[in-house]
Amino acid sequence: MSNAVAKRLESIQEHSGISGRDVAQLLDTTPQTVSRWRTGQSTPQPRHLERLLTLEWLVSQLAAYYASEEAKLWLFSPHSLLNGRRPADLIADRRTDEVLQLIDQLDSASYI
């Protein structure tokens, strides 16, 4: 499974330009833990694995609209439709549905 987890982490970085430290922040763990997942020294606990897979899916959706560096800025910038909150904060608070709704609005071109 460690190779599969490493591939997921690479996919997240490729699509969003975020670092292992950012992933750790979003998943409520430490950068050292994410590094151990990447190298296969450990595997994520079920709750972290679920959040990791959700994050990968979310950033893959975002990749349809932004290049990786732009996606990173989008994730970490305040948005008026989120009452000034950053998508990254909502992801860390396990409120990814709100972020996905905002991404859906990108598809309808109602928010850029």
PDB file of N, CA and C in Angstrom:
ATOM      1  N   MET A   1       0.824  -1.200   0.000  1.00  0.00           N
ATOM      2  CA  MET A   1       0.000   0.000   0.000  1.00  0.00           C
ATOM      3  C   MET A   1       0.860   1.252   0.000  1.00  0.00           C
ATOM      4  N   SER A   2       2.066   1.188   0.534  1.00  0.00           N
ATOM      5  CA  SER A   2       2.894   2.388   0.635  1.00  0.00           C
ATOM      6  C   SER A   2       3.173   2.997  -0.723  1.00  0.00           C
ATOM      7  N   ASN A   3       3.401   2.151  -1.748  1.00  0.00           N
ATOM      8  CA  ASN A   3       3.630   2.665  -3.083  1.00  0.00           C
ATOM      9  C   ASN A   3       2.385   3.391  -3.589  1.00  0.00           C
ATOM     10  N   ALA A   4       1.209   2.848  -3.296  1.00  0.00           N
ATOM     11  CA  ALA A   4      -0.043   3.476  -3.703  1.00  0.00           C
ATOM     12  C   ALA A   4      -0.229   4.816  -3.002  1.00  0.00           C
ATOM     13  N   VAL A   5       0.117   4.895  -1.728  1.00  0.00           N
ATOM     14  CA  VAL A   5       0.001   6.145  -0.981  1.00  0.00           C
ATOM     15  C   VAL A   5       0.975   7.172  -1.545  1.00  0.00           C
ATOM     16  N   ALA A   6       2.189   6.752  -1.851  1.00  0.00           N
ATOM     17  CA  ALA A   6       3.171   7.667  -2.441  1.00  0.00           C
ATOM     18  C   ALA A   6       2.666   8.222  -3.762  1.00  0.00           C
ATOM     19  N   LYS A   7       2.021   7.378  -4.565  1.00  0.00           N
ATOM     20  CA  LYS A   7       1.458   7.839  -5.835  1.00  0.00           C
ATOM     21  C   LYS A   7       0.356   8.865  -5.608  1.00  0.00           C
ATOM     22  N   ARG A   8      -0.443   8.653  -4.591  1.00  0.00           N
ATOM     23  CA  ARG A   8      -1.510   9.618  -4.270  1.00  0.00           C
ATOM     24  C   ARG A   8      -0.913  10.955  -3.845  1.00  0.00           C
ATOM     25  N   LEU A   9       0.129  10.904  -3.032  1.00  0.00           N
ATOM     26  CA  LEU A   9       0.786  12.136  -2.610  1.00  0.00           C
ATOM     27  C   LEU A   9       1.402  12.872  -3.806  1.00  0.00           C
ATOM     28  N   GLU A  10       2.012  12.115  -4.716  1.00  0.00           N
ATOM     29  CA  GLU A  10       2.574  12.717  -5.927  1.00  0.00           C
ATOM     30  C   GLU A  10       1.480  13.356  -6.773  1.00  0.00           C
ATOM     31  N   SER A  11       0.349  12.698  -6.878  1.00  0.00           N
ATOM     32  CA  SER A  11      -0.772  13.234  -7.641  1.00  0.00           C
ATOM     33  C   SER A  11      -1.261  14.546  -7.034  1.00  0.00           C
ATOM     34  N   ILE A  12      -1.369  14.586  -5.716  1.00  0.00           N
ATOM     35  CA  ILE A  12      -1.791  15.812  -5.028  1.00  0.00           C
ATOM     36  C   ILE A  12      -0.812  16.940  -5.333  1.00  0.00           C
ATOM     37  N   GLN A  13       0.478  16.651  -5.223  1.00  0.00           N
ATOM     38  CA  GLN A  13       1.482  17.677  -5.478  1.00  0.00           C
ATOM     39  C   GLN A  13       1.450  18.114  -6.938  1.00  0.00           C
ATOM     40  N   GLU A  14       1.314  17.169  -7.850  1.00  0.00           N
ATOM     41  CA  GLU A  14       1.283  17.489  -9.279  1.00  0.00           C
ATOM     42  C   GLU A  14       0.097  18.386  -9.633  1.00  0.00           C
ATOM     43  N   HIS A  15      -1.080  18.081  -9.077  1.00  0.00           N
ATOM     44  CA  HIS A  15      -2.282  18.825  -9.419  1.00  0.00           C
ATOM     45  C   HIS A  15      -2.412  20.149  -8.682  1.00  0.00           C
ATOM     46  N   SER A  16      -1.792  20.259  -7.526  1.00  0.00           N
ATOM     47  CA  SER A  16      -2.027  21.459  -6.715  1.00  0.00           C
ATOM     48  C   SER A  16      -0.771  22.234  -6.357  1.00  0.00           C
ATOM     49  N   GLY A  17       0.391  21.656  -6.567  1.00  0.00           N
ATOM     50  CA  GLY A  17       1.626  22.355  -6.218  1.00  0.00           C
ATOM     51  C   GLY A  17       1.854  22.502  -4.729  1.00  0.00           C
ATOM     52  N   ILE A  18       1.068  21.800  -3.906  1.00  0.00           N
ATOM     53  CA  ILE A  18       1.263  21.935  -2.471  1.00  0.00           C
ATOM     54  C   ILE A  18       2.329  20.958  -1.991  1.00  0.00           C
ATOM     55  N   SER A  19       2.997  21.331  -0.940  1.00  0.00           N
ATOM     56  CA  SER A  19       4.102  20.545  -0.394  1.00  0.00           C
ATOM     57  C   SER A  19       3.596  19.500   0.602  1.00  0.00           C
ATOM     58  N   GLY A  20       4.499  18.645   1.013  1.00  0.00           N
ATOM     59  CA  GLY A  20       4.181  17.680   2.054  1.00  0.00           C
ATOM     60  C   GLY A  20       3.760  18.366   3.343  1.00  0.00           C
ATOM     61  N   ARG A  21       4.372  19.496   3.621  1.00  0.00           N
ATOM     62  CA  ARG A  21       4.009  20.274   4.815  1.00  0.00           C
ATOM     63  C   ARG A  21       2.561  20.765   4.706  1.00  0.00           C
ATOM     64  N   ASP A  22       2.180  21.234   3.501  1.00  0.00           N
ATOM     65  CA  ASP A  22       0.798  21.672   3.277  1.00  0.00           C
ATOM     66  C   ASP A  22      -0.175  20.508   3.427  1.00  0.00           C
ATOM     67  N   VAL A  23       0.185  19.352   2.866  1.00  0.00           N
ATOM     68  CA  VAL A  23      -0.661  18.163   2.985  1.00  0.00           C
ATOM     69  C   VAL A  23      -0.836  17.821   4.465  1.00  0.00           C
ATOM     70  N   ALA A  24       0.231  17.875   5.220  1.00  0.00           N
ATOM     71  CA  ALA A  24       0.148  17.580   6.650  1.00  0.00           C
ATOM     72  C   ALA A  24      -0.821  18.534   7.345  1.00  0.00           C
ATOM     73  N   GLN A  25      -0.737  19.812   7.014  1.00  0.00           N
ATOM     74  CA  GLN A  25      -1.639  20.800   7.608  1.00  0.00           C
ATOM     75  C   GLN A  25      -3.090  20.476   7.249  1.00  0.00           C
ATOM     76  N   LEU A  26      -3.333  20.161   5.993  1.00  0.00           N
ATOM     77  CA  LEU A  26      -4.696  19.888   5.535  1.00  0.00           C
ATOM     78  C   LEU A  26      -5.270  18.606   6.139  1.00  0.00           C
ATOM     79  N   LEU A  27      -4.403  17.643   6.436  1.00  0.00           N
ATOM     80  CA  LEU A  27      -4.856  16.358   6.966  1.00  0.00           C
ATOM     81  C   LEU A  27      -4.721  16.264   8.483  1.00  0.00           C
ATOM     82  N   ASP A  28      -4.293  17.351   9.122  1.00  0.00           N
ATOM     83  CA  ASP A  28      -4.139  17.395  10.577  1.00  0.00           C
ATOM     84  C   ASP A  28      -3.168  16.325  11.071  1.00  0.00           C
ATOM     85  N   THR A  29      -1.985  16.340  10.462  1.00  0.00           N
ATOM     86  CA  THR A  29      -0.913  15.457  10.900  1.00  0.00           C
ATOM     87  C   THR A  29       0.398  16.229  10.790  1.00  0.00           C
ATOM     88  N   THR A  30       1.516  15.551  10.920  1.00  0.00           N
ATOM     89  CA  THR A  30       2.803  16.241  10.874  1.00  0.00           C
ATOM     90  C   THR A  30       3.493  16.017   9.525  1.00  0.00           C
ATOM     91  N   PRO A  31       4.373  16.941   9.145  1.00  0.00           N
ATOM     92  CA  PRO A  31       5.145  16.740   7.919  1.00  0.00           C
ATOM     93  C   PRO A  31       5.977  15.454   7.969  1.00  0.00           C
ATOM     94  N   GLN A  32       6.457  15.085   9.149  1.00  0.00           N
ATOM     95  CA  GLN A  32       7.245  13.864   9.293  1.00  0.00           C
ATOM     96  C   GLN A  32       6.395  12.631   8.985  1.00  0.00           C
ATOM     97  N   THR A  33       5.152  12.659   9.404  1.00  0.00           N
ATOM     98  CA  THR A  33       4.249  11.545   9.128  1.00  0.00           C
ATOM     99  C   THR A  33       4.006  11.418   7.631  1.00  0.00           C
ATOM    100  N   VAL A  34       3.763  12.535   6.965  1.00  0.00           N
ATOM    101  CA  VAL A  34       3.551  12.515   5.514  1.00  0.00           C
ATOM    102  C   VAL A  34       4.800  11.998   4.812  1.00  0.00           C
ATOM    103  N   SER A  35       5.961  12.399   5.295  1.00  0.00           N
ATOM    104  CA  SER A  35       7.220  11.908   4.725  1.00  0.00           C
ATOM    105  C   SER A  35       7.342  10.388   4.889  1.00  0.00           C
ATOM    106  N   ARG A  36       6.957   9.868   6.054  1.00  0.00           N
ATOM    107  CA  ARG A  36       6.998   8.412   6.281  1.00  0.00           C
ATOM    108  C   ARG A  36       6.022   7.684   5.366  1.00  0.00           C
ATOM    109  N   TRP A  37       4.866   8.293   5.098  1.00  0.00           N
ATOM    110  CA  TRP A  37       3.925   7.689   4.154  1.00  0.00           C
ATOM    111  C   TRP A  37       4.545   7.630   2.764  1.00  0.00           C
ATOM    112  N   ARG A  38       5.194   8.730   2.385  1.00  0.00           N
ATOM    113  CA  ARG A  38       5.780   8.835   1.045  1.00  0.00           C
ATOM    114  C   ARG A  38       6.880   7.782   0.831  1.00  0.00           C
ATOM    115  N   THR A  39       7.659   7.530   1.866  1.00  0.00           N
ATOM    116  CA  THR A  39       8.777   6.592   1.749  1.00  0.00           C
ATOM    117  C   THR A  39       8.385   5.148   2.086  1.00  0.00           C
ATOM    118  N   GLY A  40       7.147   4.949   2.508  1.00  0.00           N
ATOM    119  CA  GLY A  40       6.692   3.604   2.829  1.00  0.00           C
ATOM    120  C   GLY A  40       7.083   3.131   4.213  1.00  0.00           C
ATOM    121  N   GLN A  41       7.601   4.021   5.060  1.00  0.00           N
ATOM    122  CA  GLN A  41       7.967   3.642   6.418  1.00  0.00           C
ATOM    123  C   GLN A  41       6.747   3.419   7.301  1.00  0.00           C
ATOM    124  N   SER A  42       5.610   4.001   6.901  1.00  0.00           N
ATOM    125  CA  SER A  42       4.352   3.781   7.616  1.00  0.00           C
ATOM    126  C   SER A  42       3.207   4.000   6.641  1.00  0.00           C
ATOM    127  N   THR A  43       2.024   3.615   7.061  1.00  0.00           N
ATOM    128  CA  THR A  43       0.828   3.824   6.247  1.00  0.00           C
ATOM    129  C   THR A  43      -0.157   4.676   7.040  1.00  0.00           C
ATOM    130  N   PRO A  44      -0.977   5.420   6.337  1.00  0.00           N
ATOM    131  CA  PRO A  44      -1.938   6.283   7.041  1.00  0.00           C
ATOM    132  C   PRO A  44      -2.975   5.471   7.804  1.00  0.00           C
ATOM    133  N   GLN A  45      -3.372   5.989   8.949  1.00  0.00           N
ATOM    134  CA  GLN A  45      -4.502   5.423   9.678  1.00  0.00           C
ATOM    135  C   GLN A  45      -5.736   5.620   8.810  1.00  0.00           C
ATOM    136  N   PRO A  46      -6.784   4.825   9.009  1.00  0.00           N
ATOM    137  CA  PRO A  46      -7.973   4.936   8.155  1.00  0.00           C
ATOM    138  C   PRO A  46      -8.534   6.353   8.025  1.00  0.00           C
ATOM    139  N   ARG A  47      -8.572   7.110   9.109  1.00  0.00           N
ATOM    140  CA  ARG A  47      -9.127   8.469   9.012  1.00  0.00           C
ATOM    141  C   ARG A  47      -8.244   9.363   8.152  1.00  0.00           C
ATOM    142  N   HIS A  48      -6.924   9.186   8.242  1.00  0.00           N
ATOM    143  CA  HIS A  48      -6.023   9.978   7.407  1.00  0.00           C
ATOM    144  C   HIS A  48      -6.065   9.515   5.954  1.00  0.00           C
ATOM    145  N   LEU A  49      -6.201   8.222   5.758  1.00  0.00           N
ATOM    146  CA  LEU A  49      -6.284   7.707   4.397  1.00  0.00           C
ATOM    147  C   LEU A  49      -7.534   8.244   3.701  1.00  0.00           C
ATOM    148  N   GLU A  50      -8.640   8.245   4.391  1.00  0.00           N
ATOM    149  CA  GLU A  50      -9.882   8.775   3.819  1.00  0.00           C
ATOM    150  C   GLU A  50      -9.714  10.253   3.437  1.00  0.00           C
ATOM    151  N   ARG A  51      -9.117  11.020   4.319  1.00  0.00           N
ATOM    152  CA  ARG A  51      -8.919  12.447   4.048  1.00  0.00           C
ATOM    153  C   ARG A  51      -7.917  12.658   2.912  1.00  0.00           C
ATOM    154  N   LEU A  52      -6.896  11.821   2.850  1.00  0.00           N
ATOM    155  CA  LEU A  52      -5.902  11.898   1.773  1.00  0.00           C
ATOM    156  C   LEU A  52      -6.565  11.647   0.420  1.00  0.00           C
ATOM    157  N   LEU A  53      -7.393  10.620   0.351  1.00  0.00           N
ATOM    158  CA  LEU A  53      -8.068  10.293  -0.901  1.00  0.00           C
ATOM    159  C   LEU A  53      -9.064  11.381  -1.302  1.00  0.00           C
ATOM    160  N   THR A  54      -9.734  11.959  -0.327  1.00  0.00           N
ATOM    161  CA  THR A  54     -10.655  13.066  -0.606  1.00  0.00           C
ATOM    162  C   THR A  54      -9.884  14.275  -1.123  1.00  0.00           C
ATOM    163  N   LEU A  55      -8.741  14.562  -0.502  1.00  0.00           N
ATOM    164  CA  LEU A  55      -7.911  15.677  -0.955  1.00  0.00           C
ATOM    165  C   LEU A  55      -7.425  15.446  -2.378  1.00  0.00           C
ATOM    166  N   GLU A  56      -7.020  14.229  -2.682  1.00  0.00           N
ATOM    167  CA  GLU A  56      -6.566  13.934  -4.036  1.00  0.00           C
ATOM    168  C   GLU A  56      -7.694  14.173  -5.041  1.00  0.00           C
ATOM    169  N   TRP A  57      -8.877  13.718  -4.724  1.00  0.00           N
ATOM    170  CA  TRP A  57     -10.005  13.907  -5.627  1.00  0.00           C
ATOM    171  C   TRP A  57     -10.334  15.395  -5.794  1.00  0.00           C
ATOM    172  N   LEU A  58     -10.326  16.130  -4.695  1.00  0.00           N
ATOM    173  CA  LEU A  58     -10.619  17.554  -4.739  1.00  0.00           C
ATOM    174  C   LEU A  58      -9.623  18.303  -5.625  1.00  0.00           C
ATOM    175  N   VAL A  59      -8.335  18.044  -5.445  1.00  0.00           N
ATOM    176  CA  VAL A  59      -7.346  18.770  -6.256  1.00  0.00           C
ATOM    177  C   VAL A  59      -7.376  18.320  -7.712  1.00  0.00           C
ATOM    178  N   SER A  60      -7.788  17.083  -7.966  1.00  0.00           N
ATOM    179  CA  SER A  60      -7.922  16.656  -9.360  1.00  0.00           C
ATOM    180  C   SER A  60      -9.078  17.412 -10.027  1.00  0.00           C
ATOM    181  N   GLN A  61     -10.130  17.688  -9.289  1.00  0.00           N
ATOM    182  CA  GLN A  61     -11.233  18.501  -9.811  1.00  0.00           C
ATOM    183  C   GLN A  61     -10.768  19.931 -10.074  1.00  0.00           C
ATOM    184  N   LEU A  62      -9.988  20.460  -9.181  1.00  0.00           N
ATOM    185  CA  LEU A  62      -9.465  21.820  -9.313  1.00  0.00           C
ATOM    186  C   LEU A  62      -8.515  21.937 -10.497  1.00  0.00           C
ATOM    187  N   ALA A  63      -7.820  20.858 -10.815  1.00  0.00           N
ATOM    188  CA  ALA A  63      -6.861  20.859 -11.926  1.00  0.00           C
ATOM    189  C   ALA A  63      -7.533  21.095 -13.273  1.00  0.00           C
ATOM    190  N   ALA A  64      -8.823  20.895 -13.343  1.00  0.00           N
ATOM    191  CA  ALA A  64      -9.547  21.168 -14.591  1.00  0.00           C
ATOM    192  C   ALA A  64      -9.604  22.665 -14.878  1.00  0.00           C
ATOM    193  N   TYR A  65      -9.345  23.492 -13.869  1.00  0.00           N
ATOM    194  CA  TYR A  65      -9.470  24.941 -14.012  1.00  0.00           C
ATOM    195  C   TYR A  65      -8.163  25.698 -13.836  1.00  0.00           C
ATOM    196  N   TYR A  66      -7.221  25.121 -13.108  1.00  0.00           N
ATOM    197  CA  TYR A  66      -5.992  25.841 -12.775  1.00  0.00           C
ATOM    198  C   TYR A  66      -4.758  24.967 -12.944  1.00  0.00           C
ATOM    199  N   ALA A  67      -3.661  25.597 -13.333  1.00  0.00           N
ATOM    200  CA  ALA A  67      -2.352  24.948 -13.294  1.00  0.00           C
ATOM    201  C   ALA A  67      -1.978  24.763 -11.825  1.00  0.00           C
ATOM    202  N   SER A  68      -0.999  23.908 -11.556  1.00  0.00           N
ATOM    203  CA  SER A  68      -0.711  23.543 -10.165  1.00  0.00           C
ATOM    204  C   SER A  68      -0.386  24.737  -9.268  1.00  0.00           C
ATOM    205  N   GLU A  69       0.448  25.648  -9.708  1.00  0.00           N
ATOM    206  CA  GLU A  69       0.784  26.796  -8.851  1.00  0.00           C
ATOM    207  C   GLU A  69      -0.420  27.702  -8.626  1.00  0.00           C
ATOM    208  N   GLU A  70      -1.261  27.850  -9.650  1.00  0.00           N
ATOM    209  CA  GLU A  70      -2.482  28.630  -9.486  1.00  0.00           C
ATOM    210  C   GLU A  70      -3.450  27.930  -8.539  1.00  0.00           C
ATOM    211  N   ALA A  71      -3.498  26.605  -8.621  1.00  0.00           N
ATOM    212  CA  ALA A  71      -4.364  25.834  -7.725  1.00  0.00           C
ATOM    213  C   ALA A  71      -3.933  26.027  -6.275  1.00  0.00           C
ATOM    214  N   LYS A  72      -2.638  26.050  -6.049  1.00  0.00           N
ATOM    215  CA  LYS A  72      -2.143  26.267  -4.684  1.00  0.00           C
ATOM    216  C   LYS A  72      -2.584  27.632  -4.176  1.00  0.00           C
ATOM    217  N   LEU A  73      -2.449  28.656  -5.004  1.00  0.00           N
ATOM    218  CA  LEU A  73      -2.895  29.991  -4.596  1.00  0.00           C
ATOM    219  C   LEU A  73      -4.393  30.005  -4.326  1.00  0.00           C
ATOM    220  N   TRP A  74      -5.161  29.315  -5.171  1.00  0.00           N
ATOM    221  CA  TRP A  74      -6.602  29.247  -4.992  1.00  0.00           C
ATOM    222  C   TRP A  74      -6.938  28.602  -3.653  1.00  0.00           C
ATOM    223  N   LEU A  75      -6.247  27.510  -3.329  1.00  0.00           N
ATOM    224  CA  LEU A  75      -6.515  26.798  -2.078  1.00  0.00           C
ATOM    225  C   LEU A  75      -6.202  27.629  -0.839  1.00  0.00           C
ATOM    226  N   PHE A  76      -5.179  28.465  -0.923  1.00  0.00           N
ATOM    227  CA  PHE A  76      -4.710  29.185   0.262  1.00  0.00           C
ATOM    228  C   PHE A  76      -5.076  30.667   0.268  1.00  0.00           C
ATOM    229  N   SER A  77      -5.960  31.084  -0.636  1.00  0.00           N
ATOM    230  CA  SER A  77      -6.415  32.479  -0.680  1.00  0.00           C
ATOM    231  C   SER A  77      -7.831  32.585  -0.123  1.00  0.00           C
ATOM    232  N   PRO A  78      -8.125  33.701   0.545  1.00  0.00           N
ATOM    233  CA  PRO A  78      -9.502  33.917   1.009  1.00  0.00           C
ATOM    234  C   PRO A  78     -10.451  34.082  -0.188  1.00  0.00           C
ATOM    235  N   HIS A  79     -11.673  33.600  -0.028  1.00  0.00           N
ATOM    236  CA  HIS A  79     -12.676  33.705  -1.083  1.00  0.00           C
ATOM    237  C   HIS A  79     -13.939  34.351  -0.531  1.00  0.00           C
ATOM    238  N   SER A  80     -14.477  35.280  -1.294  1.00  0.00           N
ATOM    239  CA  SER A  80     -15.679  35.981  -0.840  1.00  0.00           C
ATOM    240  C   SER A  80     -16.865  35.031  -0.684  1.00  0.00           C
ATOM    241  N   LEU A  81     -16.970  34.027  -1.552  1.00  0.00           N
ATOM    242  CA  LEU A  81     -18.086  33.083  -1.437  1.00  0.00           C
ATOM    243  C   LEU A  81     -17.943  32.129  -0.250  1.00  0.00           C
ATOM    244  N   LEU A  82     -16.802  32.184   0.405  1.00  0.00           N
ATOM    245  CA  LEU A  82     -16.592  31.411   1.633  1.00  0.00           C
ATOM    246  C   LEU A  82     -16.490  32.351   2.834  1.00  0.00           C
ATOM    247  N   ASN A  83     -17.058  33.539   2.667  1.00  0.00           N
ATOM    248  CA  ASN A  83     -17.027  34.566   3.722  1.00  0.00           C
ATOM    249  C   ASN A  83     -15.607  34.896   4.161  1.00  0.00           C
ATOM    250  N   GLY A  84     -14.709  34.975   3.179  1.00  0.00           N
ATOM    251  CA  GLY A  84     -13.329  35.341   3.464  1.00  0.00           C
ATOM    252  C   GLY A  84     -12.453  34.207   3.955  1.00  0.00           C
ATOM    253  N   ARG A  85     -13.020  33.036   4.074  1.00  0.00           N
ATOM    254  CA  ARG A  85     -12.229  31.881   4.513  1.00  0.00           C
ATOM    255  C   ARG A  85     -11.461  31.313   3.331  1.00  0.00           C
ATOM    256  N   ARG A  86     -10.408  30.598   3.648  1.00  0.00           N
ATOM    257  CA  ARG A  86      -9.603  29.942   2.617  1.00  0.00           C
ATOM    258  C   ARG A  86     -10.103  28.513   2.432  1.00  0.00           C
ATOM    259  N   PRO A  87     -10.147  28.014   1.193  1.00  0.00           N
ATOM    260  CA  PRO A  87     -10.520  26.614   0.994  1.00  0.00           C
ATOM    261  C   PRO A  87      -9.669  25.676   1.847  1.00  0.00           C
ATOM    262  N   ALA A  88      -8.392  25.976   1.993  1.00  0.00           N
ATOM    263  CA  ALA A  88      -7.509  25.124   2.797  1.00  0.00           C
ATOM    264  C   ALA A  88      -8.001  25.016   4.240  1.00  0.00           C
ATOM    265  N   ASP A  89      -8.518  26.114   4.789  1.00  0.00           N
ATOM    266  CA  ASP A  89      -9.034  26.081   6.159  1.00  0.00           C
ATOM    267  C   ASP A  89     -10.249  25.164   6.269  1.00  0.00           C
ATOM    268  N   LEU A  90     -11.107  25.226   5.263  1.00  0.00           N
ATOM    269  CA  LEU A  90     -12.295  24.374   5.280  1.00  0.00           C
ATOM    270  C   LEU A  90     -11.916  22.911   5.118  1.00  0.00           C
ATOM    271  N   ILE A  91     -10.938  22.634   4.274  1.00  0.00           N
ATOM    272  CA  ILE A  91     -10.466  21.258   4.110  1.00  0.00           C
ATOM    273  C   ILE A  91      -9.913  20.737   5.429  1.00  0.00           C
ATOM    274  N   ALA A  92      -9.108  21.552   6.091  1.00  0.00           N
ATOM    275  CA  ALA A  92      -8.528  21.151   7.382  1.00  0.00           C
ATOM    276  C   ALA A  92      -9.614  20.933   8.432  1.00  0.00           C
ATOM    277  N   ASP A  93     -10.719  21.677   8.307  1.00  0.00           N
ATOM    278  CA  ASP A  93     -11.843  21.531   9.243  1.00  0.00           C
ATOM    279  C   ASP A  93     -12.817  20.433   8.818  1.00  0.00           C
ATOM    280  N   ARG A  94     -12.424  19.661   7.802  1.00  0.00           N
ATOM    281  CA  ARG A  94     -13.246  18.563   7.270  1.00  0.00           C
ATOM    282  C   ARG A  94     -14.558  19.047   6.677  1.00  0.00           C
ATOM    283  N   ARG A  95     -14.499  20.208   6.050  1.00  0.00           N
ATOM    284  CA  ARG A  95     -15.679  20.784   5.395  1.00  0.00           C
ATOM    285  C   ARG A  95     -15.433  20.844   3.884  1.00  0.00           C
ATOM    286  N   THR A  96     -14.962  19.740   3.343  1.00  0.00           N
ATOM    287  CA  THR A  96     -14.611  19.695   1.924  1.00  0.00           C
ATOM    288  C   THR A  96     -15.817  19.877   1.016  1.00  0.00           C
ATOM    289  N   ASP A  97     -17.007  19.534   1.495  1.00  0.00           N
ATOM    290  CA  ASP A  97     -18.199  19.710   0.661  1.00  0.00           C
ATOM    291  C   ASP A  97     -18.377  21.168   0.245  1.00  0.00           C
ATOM    292  N   GLU A  98     -18.068  22.087   1.150  1.00  0.00           N
ATOM    293  CA  GLU A  98     -18.184  23.510   0.826  1.00  0.00           C
ATOM    294  C   GLU A  98     -17.167  23.913  -0.242  1.00  0.00           C
ATOM    295  N   VAL A  99     -15.983  23.335  -0.174  1.00  0.00           N
ATOM    296  CA  VAL A  99     -14.954  23.615  -1.178  1.00  0.00           C
ATOM    297  C   VAL A  99     -15.372  23.028  -2.522  1.00  0.00           C
ATOM    298  N   LEU A 100     -15.918  21.837  -2.501  1.00  0.00           N
ATOM    299  CA  LEU A 100     -16.378  21.210  -3.746  1.00  0.00           C
ATOM    300  C   LEU A 100     -17.518  22.005  -4.373  1.00  0.00           C
ATOM    301  N   GLN A 101     -18.378  22.592  -3.567  1.00  0.00           N
ATOM    302  CA  GLN A 101     -19.445  23.442  -4.093  1.00  0.00           C
ATOM    303  C   GLN A 101     -18.862  24.664  -4.797  1.00  0.00           C
ATOM    304  N   LEU A 102     -17.812  25.217  -4.233  1.00  0.00           N
ATOM    305  CA  LEU A 102     -17.154  26.363  -4.853  1.00  0.00           C
ATOM    306  C   LEU A 102     -16.513  25.955  -6.176  1.00  0.00           C
ATOM    307  N   ILE A 103     -15.901  24.784  -6.208  1.00  0.00           N
ATOM    308  CA  ILE A 103     -15.313  24.281  -7.453  1.00  0.00           C
ATOM    309  C   ILE A 103     -16.413  24.064  -8.498  1.00  0.00           C
ATOM    310  N   ASP A 104     -17.563  23.569  -8.077  1.00  0.00           N
ATOM    311  CA  ASP A 104     -18.689  23.404  -8.996  1.00  0.00           C
ATOM    312  C   ASP A 104     -19.109  24.744  -9.597  1.00  0.00           C
ATOM    313  N   GLN A 105     -18.991  25.802  -8.823  1.00  0.00           N
ATOM    314  CA  GLN A 105     -19.339  27.130  -9.331  1.00  0.00           C
ATOM    315  C   GLN A 105     -18.341  27.582 -10.388  1.00  0.00           C
ATOM    316  N   LEU A 106     -17.103  27.098 -10.310  1.00  0.00           N
ATOM    317  CA  LEU A 106     -16.135  27.402 -11.359  1.00  0.00           C
ATOM    318  C   LEU A 106     -16.610  26.823 -12.680  1.00  0.00           C
ATOM    319  N   ASP A 107     -17.220  25.635 -12.599  1.00  0.00           N
ATOM    320  CA  ASP A 107     -17.705  24.974 -13.800  1.00  0.00           C
ATOM    321  C   ASP A 107     -18.829  25.763 -14.455  1.00  0.00           C
ATOM    322  N   SER A 108     -19.648  26.407 -13.636  1.00  0.00           N
ATOM    323  CA  SER A 108     -20.739  27.191 -14.195  1.00  0.00           C
ATOM    324  C   SER A 108     -20.282  28.618 -14.546  1.00  0.00           C
ATOM    325  N   ALA A 109     -18.994  28.891 -14.335  1.00  0.00           N
ATOM    326  CA  ALA A 109     -18.397  30.200 -14.639  1.00  0.00           C
ATOM    327  C   ALA A 109     -19.029  31.331 -13.852  1.00  0.00           C
ATOM    328  N   SER A 110     -19.609  30.992 -12.691  1.00  0.00           N
ATOM    329  CA  SER A 110     -20.217  32.032 -11.899  1.00  0.00           C
ATOM    330  C   SER A 110     -19.238  32.645 -10.894  1.00  0.00           C
ATOM    331  N   TYR A 111     -18.052  32.051 -10.775  1.00  0.00           N
ATOM    332  CA  TYR A 111     -17.047  32.591  -9.860  1.00  0.00           C
ATOM    333  C   TYR A 111     -15.683  32.235 -10.375  1.00  0.00           C
ATOM    334  N   ILE A 112     -14.788  33.195 -10.390  1.00  0.00           N
ATOM    335  CA  ILE A 112     -13.422  32.938 -10.852  1.00  0.00           C
ATOM    336  C   ILE A 112     -12.447  33.329  -9.764  1.00  0.00           C
TER     337      ILE A 112
END
